[in-house]
Amino acid sequence: MKKIYFASLDSAVLQWLRQALERGAPDTPGGRELRRGIESLGTGASDALMLEVGGAAGETEADGMTCGDLVISPRSRRVLRAGKEIALTPKEFDILYFLAQNRGTVFTKEQIYQAVWEEDYYTTDSNIMAFIRKLRKKIEPNPDAPEYILTIWGIGYKFNDDL
């Protein structure tokens, strides 16, 4: 699903980043966290810094993506609906997170499989359908009339972009 990119920071780039952050980093949780991470690199307390790009519409400051009554937290791999935690299997979470990240985009079963399993599609359509059915039972207020994961007949599924 996500690609990781490694970049080497020499001392000149690290110093420039520190100065730039001191001058104009936004006073947000992400800005403060980036300043702490860069400072940690500069003092030698950390050897590496991993950045996760966020800020998409619907994301909260507390590490989550808000979609209607759902809060999907990728770091903790937790899902809350109306404040109550929903237990999902790892693949159910991956499917939900993939669809929610791409709200409004229609995906075939094959595309969902390739994105979540990151391998060629060697299974039947019923595998993805079974995962979607189980996921709907857990996250939807009424699984027979889904609000979050919508079926696009003859094509596949999409996450409701009206939430």
N, C-alpha and C. Protein backbone atom coordinates (compact mmCIF):
# COMPACT_ATOMS: atom_id res chain seq x y z
N MET A 1 0.81 -1.20 0.00
CA MET A 1 0.00 0.00 0.00
C MET A 1 0.86 1.27 0.00
N LYS A 2 1.73 1.42 0.98
CA LYS A 2 2.55 2.60 1.06
C LYS A 2 3.97 2.25 0.67
N LYS A 3 4.62 3.20 0.07
CA LYS A 3 6.02 3.05 -0.28
C LYS A 3 6.85 3.82 0.74
N ILE A 4 7.99 3.29 1.09
CA ILE A 4 8.90 3.94 2.02
C ILE A 4 10.10 4.42 1.24
N TYR A 5 10.48 5.66 1.44
CA TYR A 5 11.61 6.25 0.75
C TYR A 5 12.63 6.68 1.78
N PHE A 6 13.87 6.32 1.59
CA PHE A 6 14.93 6.69 2.50
C PHE A 6 15.77 7.80 1.87
N ALA A 7 16.04 8.82 2.64
CA ALA A 7 16.88 9.92 2.18
C ALA A 7 17.96 10.17 3.22
N SER A 8 19.17 10.34 2.76
CA SER A 8 20.28 10.63 3.67
C SER A 8 20.33 12.13 3.91
N LEU A 9 20.48 12.52 5.16
CA LEU A 9 20.61 13.93 5.51
C LEU A 9 22.02 14.18 6.00
N ASP A 10 22.75 15.03 5.29
CA ASP A 10 24.07 15.39 5.79
C ASP A 10 23.90 16.52 6.80
N SER A 11 24.98 16.88 7.45
CA SER A 11 24.89 17.87 8.53
C SER A 11 24.41 19.23 8.03
N ALA A 12 24.76 19.59 6.79
CA ALA A 12 24.32 20.88 6.25
C ALA A 12 22.81 20.91 6.05
N VAL A 13 22.26 19.85 5.51
CA VAL A 13 20.81 19.78 5.30
C VAL A 13 20.08 19.74 6.64
N LEU A 14 20.60 18.98 7.58
CA LEU A 14 19.99 18.90 8.91
C LEU A 14 19.98 20.27 9.58
N GLN A 15 21.07 21.00 9.50
CA GLN A 15 21.15 22.34 10.08
C GLN A 15 20.15 23.27 9.40
N TRP A 16 20.07 23.21 8.08
CA TRP A 16 19.12 24.04 7.34
C TRP A 16 17.68 23.73 7.75
N LEU A 17 17.35 22.43 7.89
CA LEU A 17 16.00 22.05 8.33
C LEU A 17 15.70 22.59 9.73
N ARG A 18 16.65 22.47 10.63
CA ARG A 18 16.45 22.97 12.00
C ARG A 18 16.16 24.47 11.98
N GLN A 19 16.94 25.21 11.21
CA GLN A 19 16.75 26.66 11.14
C GLN A 19 15.40 27.01 10.50
N ALA A 20 15.05 26.32 9.43
CA ALA A 20 13.78 26.58 8.76
C ALA A 20 12.61 26.29 9.69
N LEU A 21 12.69 25.22 10.45
CA LEU A 21 11.61 24.87 11.39
C LEU A 21 11.52 25.88 12.53
N GLU A 22 12.66 26.37 12.98
CA GLU A 22 12.65 27.38 14.04
C GLU A 22 12.00 28.68 13.56
N ARG A 23 12.24 29.04 12.30
CA ARG A 23 11.70 30.27 11.74
C ARG A 23 10.22 30.19 11.41
N GLY A 24 9.77 29.06 10.88
CA GLY A 24 8.41 29.10 10.37
C GLY A 24 7.61 27.82 10.39
N ALA A 25 7.91 26.90 11.25
CA ALA A 25 7.10 25.68 11.31
C ALA A 25 5.74 26.01 11.89
N PRO A 26 4.68 25.47 11.34
CA PRO A 26 3.34 25.73 11.90
C PRO A 26 3.24 25.18 13.33
N ASP A 27 2.51 25.89 14.16
CA ASP A 27 2.32 25.45 15.54
C ASP A 27 1.15 24.47 15.59
N THR A 28 1.40 23.31 15.05
CA THR A 28 0.41 22.23 15.03
C THR A 28 1.07 21.00 15.62
N PRO A 29 0.30 19.97 15.97
CA PRO A 29 0.94 18.74 16.47
C PRO A 29 1.98 18.19 15.50
N GLY A 30 1.69 18.23 14.19
CA GLY A 30 2.64 17.72 13.20
C GLY A 30 3.90 18.57 13.13
N GLY A 31 3.75 19.89 13.20
CA GLY A 31 4.90 20.78 13.18
C GLY A 31 5.79 20.57 14.40
N ARG A 32 5.15 20.45 15.57
CA ARG A 32 5.91 20.23 16.80
C ARG A 32 6.61 18.87 16.76
N GLU A 33 5.92 17.86 16.24
CA GLU A 33 6.50 16.53 16.16
C GLU A 33 7.69 16.51 15.20
N LEU A 34 7.59 17.22 14.08
CA LEU A 34 8.70 17.28 13.14
C LEU A 34 9.90 18.00 13.77
N ARG A 35 9.65 19.10 14.49
CA ARG A 35 10.75 19.81 15.17
C ARG A 35 11.45 18.90 16.16
N ARG A 36 10.66 18.13 16.95
CA ARG A 36 11.26 17.20 17.92
C ARG A 36 12.08 16.13 17.21
N GLY A 37 11.56 15.61 16.10
CA GLY A 37 12.27 14.58 15.35
C GLY A 37 13.58 15.08 14.78
N ILE A 38 13.57 16.27 14.20
CA ILE A 38 14.80 16.85 13.64
C ILE A 38 15.80 17.14 14.75
N GLU A 39 15.31 17.65 15.87
CA GLU A 39 16.20 17.92 17.02
C GLU A 39 16.81 16.62 17.53
N SER A 40 16.02 15.57 17.57
CA SER A 40 16.51 14.26 18.02
C SER A 40 17.61 13.74 17.10
N LEU A 41 17.44 13.98 15.79
CA LEU A 41 18.49 13.59 14.85
C LEU A 41 19.75 14.41 15.08
N GLY A 42 19.58 15.71 15.31
CA GLY A 42 20.72 16.60 15.49
C GLY A 42 21.53 16.30 16.73
N THR A 43 20.87 15.84 17.79
CA THR A 43 21.58 15.55 19.04
C THR A 43 22.12 14.13 19.08
N GLY A 44 21.74 13.32 18.09
CA GLY A 44 22.20 11.94 18.07
C GLY A 44 21.32 11.00 18.87
N ALA A 45 20.21 11.52 19.42
CA ALA A 45 19.30 10.65 20.19
C ALA A 45 18.57 9.67 19.28
N SER A 46 18.43 10.03 18.00
CA SER A 46 17.80 9.14 17.01
C SER A 46 18.72 8.98 15.83
N ASP A 47 18.62 7.84 15.19
CA ASP A 47 19.43 7.58 13.99
C ASP A 47 18.63 7.80 12.71
N ALA A 48 17.29 7.78 12.83
CA ALA A 48 16.46 7.90 11.63
C ALA A 48 15.16 8.60 11.99
N LEU A 49 14.53 9.13 10.98
CA LEU A 49 13.25 9.82 11.14
C LEU A 49 12.33 9.31 10.05
N MET A 50 11.15 8.82 10.43
CA MET A 50 10.18 8.36 9.45
C MET A 50 9.06 9.38 9.39
N LEU A 51 8.73 9.83 8.20
CA LEU A 51 7.67 10.81 8.00
C LEU A 51 6.46 10.12 7.41
N GLU A 52 5.30 10.43 7.95
CA GLU A 52 4.05 9.91 7.40
C GLU A 52 3.25 11.09 6.90
N VAL A 53 2.92 11.06 5.63
CA VAL A 53 2.19 12.17 5.03
C VAL A 53 0.73 12.04 5.41
N GLY A 54 0.18 13.12 5.90
CA GLY A 54 -1.23 13.15 6.28
C GLY A 54 -1.83 14.44 5.81
N GLY A 55 -2.77 14.94 6.57
CA GLY A 55 -3.37 16.22 6.27
C GLY A 55 -4.47 16.16 5.25
N ALA A 56 -4.88 14.98 4.82
CA ALA A 56 -5.97 14.91 3.88
C ALA A 56 -7.26 15.31 4.55
N ALA A 57 -8.23 15.68 3.77
CA ALA A 57 -9.52 16.09 4.34
C ALA A 57 -10.06 14.98 5.22
N GLY A 58 -10.53 15.34 6.39
CA GLY A 58 -11.12 14.37 7.29
C GLY A 58 -10.15 13.79 8.29
N GLU A 59 -8.85 14.11 8.21
CA GLU A 59 -7.91 13.59 9.19
C GLU A 59 -7.95 14.43 10.44
N THR A 60 -7.82 13.77 11.57
CA THR A 60 -7.79 14.48 12.84
C THR A 60 -6.36 14.63 13.29
N GLU A 61 -6.13 15.49 14.25
CA GLU A 61 -4.77 15.69 14.77
C GLU A 61 -4.32 14.48 15.58
N ALA A 62 -5.24 13.68 16.05
CA ALA A 62 -4.90 12.55 16.92
C ALA A 62 -4.68 11.28 16.12
N ASP A 63 -3.95 11.39 14.99
CA ASP A 63 -3.60 10.21 14.21
C ASP A 63 -4.82 9.46 13.73
N GLY A 64 -5.66 10.10 12.98
CA GLY A 64 -6.81 9.39 12.46
C GLY A 64 -7.46 10.09 11.30
N MET A 65 -8.26 9.35 10.62
CA MET A 65 -9.02 9.84 9.49
C MET A 65 -10.49 9.74 9.90
N THR A 66 -11.20 10.84 9.84
CA THR A 66 -12.60 10.83 10.23
C THR A 66 -13.48 10.75 9.00
N CYS A 67 -14.39 9.78 9.00
CA CYS A 67 -15.32 9.55 7.91
C CYS A 67 -16.69 9.32 8.53
N GLY A 68 -17.51 10.35 8.60
CA GLY A 68 -18.79 10.20 9.27
C GLY A 68 -18.56 9.89 10.73
N ASP A 69 -19.16 8.82 11.24
CA ASP A 69 -18.97 8.40 12.64
C ASP A 69 -17.74 7.53 12.83
N LEU A 70 -17.02 7.22 11.75
CA LEU A 70 -15.83 6.37 11.85
C LEU A 70 -14.57 7.21 12.02
N VAL A 71 -13.68 6.74 12.89
CA VAL A 71 -12.33 7.28 12.99
C VAL A 71 -11.40 6.12 12.74
N ILE A 72 -10.58 6.24 11.71
CA ILE A 72 -9.65 5.19 11.32
C ILE A 72 -8.25 5.70 11.65
N SER A 73 -7.56 5.00 12.55
CA SER A 73 -6.22 5.41 13.00
C SER A 73 -5.18 4.43 12.47
N PRO A 74 -4.43 4.84 11.44
CA PRO A 74 -3.48 3.91 10.83
C PRO A 74 -2.31 3.51 11.73
N ARG A 75 -1.82 4.42 12.56
CA ARG A 75 -0.68 4.07 13.41
C ARG A 75 -1.04 3.01 14.43
N SER A 76 -2.18 3.18 15.08
CA SER A 76 -2.59 2.22 16.10
C SER A 76 -3.44 1.09 15.51
N ARG A 77 -3.81 1.25 14.22
CA ARG A 77 -4.65 0.27 13.52
C ARG A 77 -5.96 0.04 14.28
N ARG A 78 -6.52 1.13 14.76
CA ARG A 78 -7.80 1.07 15.48
C ARG A 78 -8.88 1.76 14.66
N VAL A 79 -10.10 1.27 14.84
CA VAL A 79 -11.26 1.89 14.21
C VAL A 79 -12.30 2.11 15.29
N LEU A 80 -12.83 3.33 15.33
CA LEU A 80 -13.89 3.68 16.26
C LEU A 80 -15.11 4.09 15.47
N ARG A 81 -16.28 3.66 15.92
CA ARG A 81 -17.54 4.15 15.35
C ARG A 81 -18.33 4.75 16.48
N ALA A 82 -18.61 6.03 16.38
CA ALA A 82 -19.33 6.76 17.43
C ALA A 82 -18.63 6.57 18.77
N GLY A 83 -17.28 6.57 18.76
CA GLY A 83 -16.50 6.49 19.98
C GLY A 83 -16.26 5.09 20.51
N LYS A 84 -16.86 4.08 19.90
CA LYS A 84 -16.67 2.69 20.36
C LYS A 84 -15.74 1.95 19.41
N GLU A 85 -14.77 1.24 20.00
CA GLU A 85 -13.80 0.53 19.18
C GLU A 85 -14.42 -0.68 18.51
N ILE A 86 -14.03 -0.88 17.25
CA ILE A 86 -14.48 -2.01 16.45
C ILE A 86 -13.28 -2.91 16.20
N ALA A 87 -13.37 -4.16 16.54
CA ALA A 87 -12.27 -5.11 16.34
C ALA A 87 -12.28 -5.59 14.89
N LEU A 88 -11.17 -5.34 14.19
CA LEU A 88 -11.03 -5.79 12.81
C LEU A 88 -9.81 -6.68 12.69
N THR A 89 -9.87 -7.63 11.76
CA THR A 89 -8.69 -8.42 11.45
C THR A 89 -7.71 -7.53 10.70
N PRO A 90 -6.44 -7.91 10.61
CA PRO A 90 -5.48 -7.07 9.87
C PRO A 90 -5.91 -6.79 8.42
N LYS A 91 -6.40 -7.78 7.72
CA LYS A 91 -6.81 -7.56 6.32
C LYS A 91 -8.06 -6.71 6.23
N GLU A 92 -8.99 -6.88 7.16
CA GLU A 92 -10.18 -6.02 7.17
C GLU A 92 -9.76 -4.56 7.36
N PHE A 93 -8.83 -4.34 8.29
CA PHE A 93 -8.35 -2.96 8.51
C PHE A 93 -7.69 -2.43 7.24
N ASP A 94 -6.83 -3.24 6.62
CA ASP A 94 -6.12 -2.80 5.42
C ASP A 94 -7.09 -2.44 4.30
N ILE A 95 -8.12 -3.24 4.11
CA ILE A 95 -9.12 -2.95 3.08
C ILE A 95 -9.85 -1.65 3.40
N LEU A 96 -10.30 -1.52 4.64
CA LEU A 96 -11.02 -0.31 5.05
C LEU A 96 -10.14 0.92 4.87
N TYR A 97 -8.91 0.87 5.34
CA TYR A 97 -8.01 2.01 5.26
C TYR A 97 -7.71 2.36 3.80
N PHE A 98 -7.47 1.36 2.97
CA PHE A 98 -7.22 1.59 1.55
C PHE A 98 -8.40 2.31 0.90
N LEU A 99 -9.61 1.81 1.12
CA LEU A 99 -10.79 2.42 0.52
C LEU A 99 -11.02 3.84 1.06
N ALA A 100 -10.85 4.02 2.38
CA ALA A 100 -11.08 5.33 2.98
C ALA A 100 -10.06 6.35 2.50
N GLN A 101 -8.82 5.94 2.30
CA GLN A 101 -7.79 6.84 1.78
C GLN A 101 -8.13 7.32 0.37
N ASN A 102 -8.89 6.53 -0.33
CA ASN A 102 -9.21 6.81 -1.74
C ASN A 102 -10.71 7.03 -1.91
N ARG A 103 -11.30 7.77 -0.98
CA ARG A 103 -12.74 8.02 -1.00
C ARG A 103 -13.23 8.44 -2.38
N GLY A 104 -14.33 7.82 -2.78
CA GLY A 104 -14.94 8.20 -4.04
C GLY A 104 -14.39 7.48 -5.26
N THR A 105 -13.25 6.84 -5.12
CA THR A 105 -12.66 6.11 -6.25
C THR A 105 -13.22 4.69 -6.26
N VAL A 106 -13.69 4.27 -7.40
CA VAL A 106 -14.24 2.92 -7.54
C VAL A 106 -13.11 1.96 -7.87
N PHE A 107 -13.04 0.85 -7.10
CA PHE A 107 -12.02 -0.16 -7.32
C PHE A 107 -12.67 -1.50 -7.63
N THR A 108 -12.07 -2.23 -8.56
CA THR A 108 -12.53 -3.59 -8.82
C THR A 108 -12.02 -4.47 -7.67
N LYS A 109 -12.56 -5.67 -7.59
CA LYS A 109 -12.09 -6.62 -6.58
C LYS A 109 -10.61 -6.92 -6.79
N GLU A 110 -10.21 -7.02 -8.03
CA GLU A 110 -8.81 -7.30 -8.35
C GLU A 110 -7.91 -6.16 -7.87
N GLN A 111 -8.31 -4.91 -8.08
CA GLN A 111 -7.50 -3.77 -7.64
C GLN A 111 -7.39 -3.73 -6.11
N ILE A 112 -8.47 -4.03 -5.42
CA ILE A 112 -8.42 -4.05 -3.95
C ILE A 112 -7.47 -5.14 -3.49
N TYR A 113 -7.58 -6.31 -4.10
CA TYR A 113 -6.70 -7.42 -3.74
C TYR A 113 -5.24 -7.05 -3.95
N GLN A 114 -4.92 -6.50 -5.11
CA GLN A 114 -3.53 -6.16 -5.42
C GLN A 114 -3.00 -5.07 -4.49
N ALA A 115 -3.85 -4.13 -4.10
CA ALA A 115 -3.41 -3.04 -3.21
C ALA A 115 -3.17 -3.54 -1.79
N VAL A 116 -4.02 -4.42 -1.30
CA VAL A 116 -3.93 -4.86 0.08
C VAL A 116 -2.97 -6.03 0.25
N TRP A 117 -3.02 -6.98 -0.65
CA TRP A 117 -2.13 -8.15 -0.54
C TRP A 117 -0.80 -7.90 -1.23
N GLU A 118 -0.74 -6.87 -2.07
CA GLU A 118 0.46 -6.50 -2.81
C GLU A 118 1.04 -7.66 -3.61
N GLU A 119 0.16 -8.40 -4.24
CA GLU A 119 0.59 -9.50 -5.10
C GLU A 119 -0.44 -9.68 -6.19
N ASP A 120 -0.12 -10.52 -7.17
CA ASP A 120 -1.04 -10.76 -8.26
C ASP A 120 -2.32 -11.41 -7.75
N TYR A 121 -3.37 -11.20 -8.49
CA TYR A 121 -4.71 -11.64 -8.14
C TYR A 121 -4.90 -13.09 -8.57
N TYR A 122 -4.78 -14.02 -7.62
CA TYR A 122 -4.91 -15.44 -7.95
C TYR A 122 -6.12 -16.09 -7.31
N THR A 123 -7.02 -15.32 -6.80
CA THR A 123 -8.15 -15.89 -6.08
C THR A 123 -9.45 -15.54 -6.79
N THR A 124 -10.53 -16.05 -6.27
CA THR A 124 -11.83 -15.77 -6.88
C THR A 124 -12.41 -14.48 -6.32
N ASP A 125 -13.38 -13.94 -7.02
CA ASP A 125 -14.05 -12.71 -6.59
C ASP A 125 -14.68 -12.86 -5.22
N SER A 126 -15.08 -14.06 -4.85
CA SER A 126 -15.80 -14.26 -3.60
C SER A 126 -14.93 -13.96 -2.38
N ASN A 127 -13.60 -14.04 -2.51
CA ASN A 127 -12.70 -13.75 -1.40
C ASN A 127 -12.87 -12.29 -0.97
N ILE A 128 -12.76 -11.35 -1.89
CA ILE A 128 -12.92 -9.93 -1.57
C ILE A 128 -14.34 -9.66 -1.12
N MET A 129 -15.31 -10.29 -1.78
CA MET A 129 -16.71 -10.11 -1.39
C MET A 129 -16.93 -10.54 0.05
N ALA A 130 -16.30 -11.63 0.47
CA ALA A 130 -16.45 -12.11 1.85
C ALA A 130 -15.84 -11.11 2.83
N PHE A 131 -14.68 -10.57 2.50
CA PHE A 131 -14.07 -9.57 3.37
C PHE A 131 -14.94 -8.33 3.49
N ILE A 132 -15.49 -7.87 2.37
CA ILE A 132 -16.35 -6.68 2.38
C ILE A 132 -17.60 -6.96 3.21
N ARG A 133 -18.17 -8.13 3.06
CA ARG A 133 -19.38 -8.50 3.82
C ARG A 133 -19.09 -8.49 5.32
N LYS A 134 -17.97 -9.10 5.73
CA LYS A 134 -17.61 -9.12 7.15
C LYS A 134 -17.31 -7.71 7.67
N LEU A 135 -16.63 -6.93 6.86
CA LEU A 135 -16.31 -5.56 7.23
C LEU A 135 -17.57 -4.73 7.42
N ARG A 136 -18.51 -4.87 6.51
CA ARG A 136 -19.78 -4.14 6.64
C ARG A 136 -20.53 -4.52 7.90
N LYS A 137 -20.52 -5.81 8.26
CA LYS A 137 -21.20 -6.24 9.48
C LYS A 137 -20.63 -5.56 10.71
N LYS A 138 -19.34 -5.24 10.64
CA LYS A 138 -18.69 -4.64 11.79
C LYS A 138 -18.79 -3.12 11.83
N ILE A 139 -18.70 -2.47 10.66
CA ILE A 139 -18.63 -1.00 10.68
C ILE A 139 -19.93 -0.29 10.34
N GLU A 140 -20.80 -0.94 9.62
CA GLU A 140 -22.02 -0.29 9.16
C GLU A 140 -23.12 -0.33 10.22
N PRO A 141 -23.81 0.79 10.43
CA PRO A 141 -24.96 0.75 11.34
C PRO A 141 -26.02 -0.24 10.85
N ASN A 142 -26.22 -0.29 9.52
CA ASN A 142 -27.14 -1.24 8.92
C ASN A 142 -26.43 -1.87 7.71
N PRO A 143 -25.84 -3.06 7.89
CA PRO A 143 -25.06 -3.68 6.81
C PRO A 143 -25.86 -3.92 5.53
N ASP A 144 -27.19 -4.03 5.64
CA ASP A 144 -28.01 -4.25 4.45
C ASP A 144 -28.23 -2.96 3.65
N ALA A 145 -27.94 -1.83 4.27
CA ALA A 145 -28.02 -0.53 3.59
C ALA A 145 -26.73 0.24 3.91
N PRO A 146 -25.62 -0.18 3.34
CA PRO A 146 -24.32 0.38 3.72
C PRO A 146 -24.21 1.89 3.45
N GLU A 147 -23.54 2.56 4.38
CA GLU A 147 -23.27 4.00 4.27
C GLU A 147 -21.81 4.26 3.92
N TYR A 148 -20.92 3.38 4.34
CA TYR A 148 -19.49 3.62 4.18
C TYR A 148 -18.93 2.96 2.91
N ILE A 149 -19.02 1.66 2.84
CA ILE A 149 -18.49 0.93 1.68
C ILE A 149 -19.65 0.63 0.75
N LEU A 150 -19.62 1.28 -0.41
CA LEU A 150 -20.72 1.17 -1.36
C LEU A 150 -20.36 0.22 -2.49
N THR A 151 -21.35 -0.55 -2.93
CA THR A 151 -21.17 -1.43 -4.07
C THR A 151 -21.51 -0.66 -5.34
N ILE A 152 -20.62 -0.72 -6.30
CA ILE A 152 -20.89 -0.16 -7.62
C ILE A 152 -21.11 -1.37 -8.52
N TRP A 153 -22.36 -1.66 -8.78
CA TRP A 153 -22.74 -2.90 -9.45
C TRP A 153 -22.02 -3.07 -10.78
N GLY A 154 -21.48 -4.26 -10.97
CA GLY A 154 -20.78 -4.60 -12.19
C GLY A 154 -19.34 -4.13 -12.23
N ILE A 155 -18.91 -3.36 -11.21
CA ILE A 155 -17.54 -2.84 -11.21
C ILE A 155 -16.80 -3.27 -9.95
N GLY A 156 -17.29 -2.83 -8.79
CA GLY A 156 -16.59 -3.14 -7.55
C GLY A 156 -17.12 -2.34 -6.37
N TYR A 157 -16.21 -1.68 -5.66
CA TYR A 157 -16.56 -0.99 -4.42
C TYR A 157 -15.88 0.36 -4.35
N LYS A 158 -16.49 1.24 -3.56
CA LYS A 158 -15.86 2.52 -3.24
C LYS A 158 -16.26 2.93 -1.85
N PHE A 159 -15.45 3.78 -1.25
CA PHE A 159 -15.78 4.35 0.05
C PHE A 159 -16.56 5.61 -0.23
N ASN A 160 -17.66 5.79 0.48
CA ASN A 160 -18.56 6.92 0.27
C ASN A 160 -17.82 8.24 0.44
N ASP A 161 -17.77 9.04 -0.60
CA ASP A 161 -17.07 10.32 -0.53
C ASP A 161 -17.97 11.45 -0.04
N ASP A 162 -19.21 11.15 0.33
CA ASP A 162 -20.11 12.17 0.87
C ASP A 162 -20.04 12.25 2.38
N LEU A 163 -19.19 11.44 3.00
CA LEU A 163 -19.07 11.46 4.47
C LEU A 163 -17.96 12.37 4.90
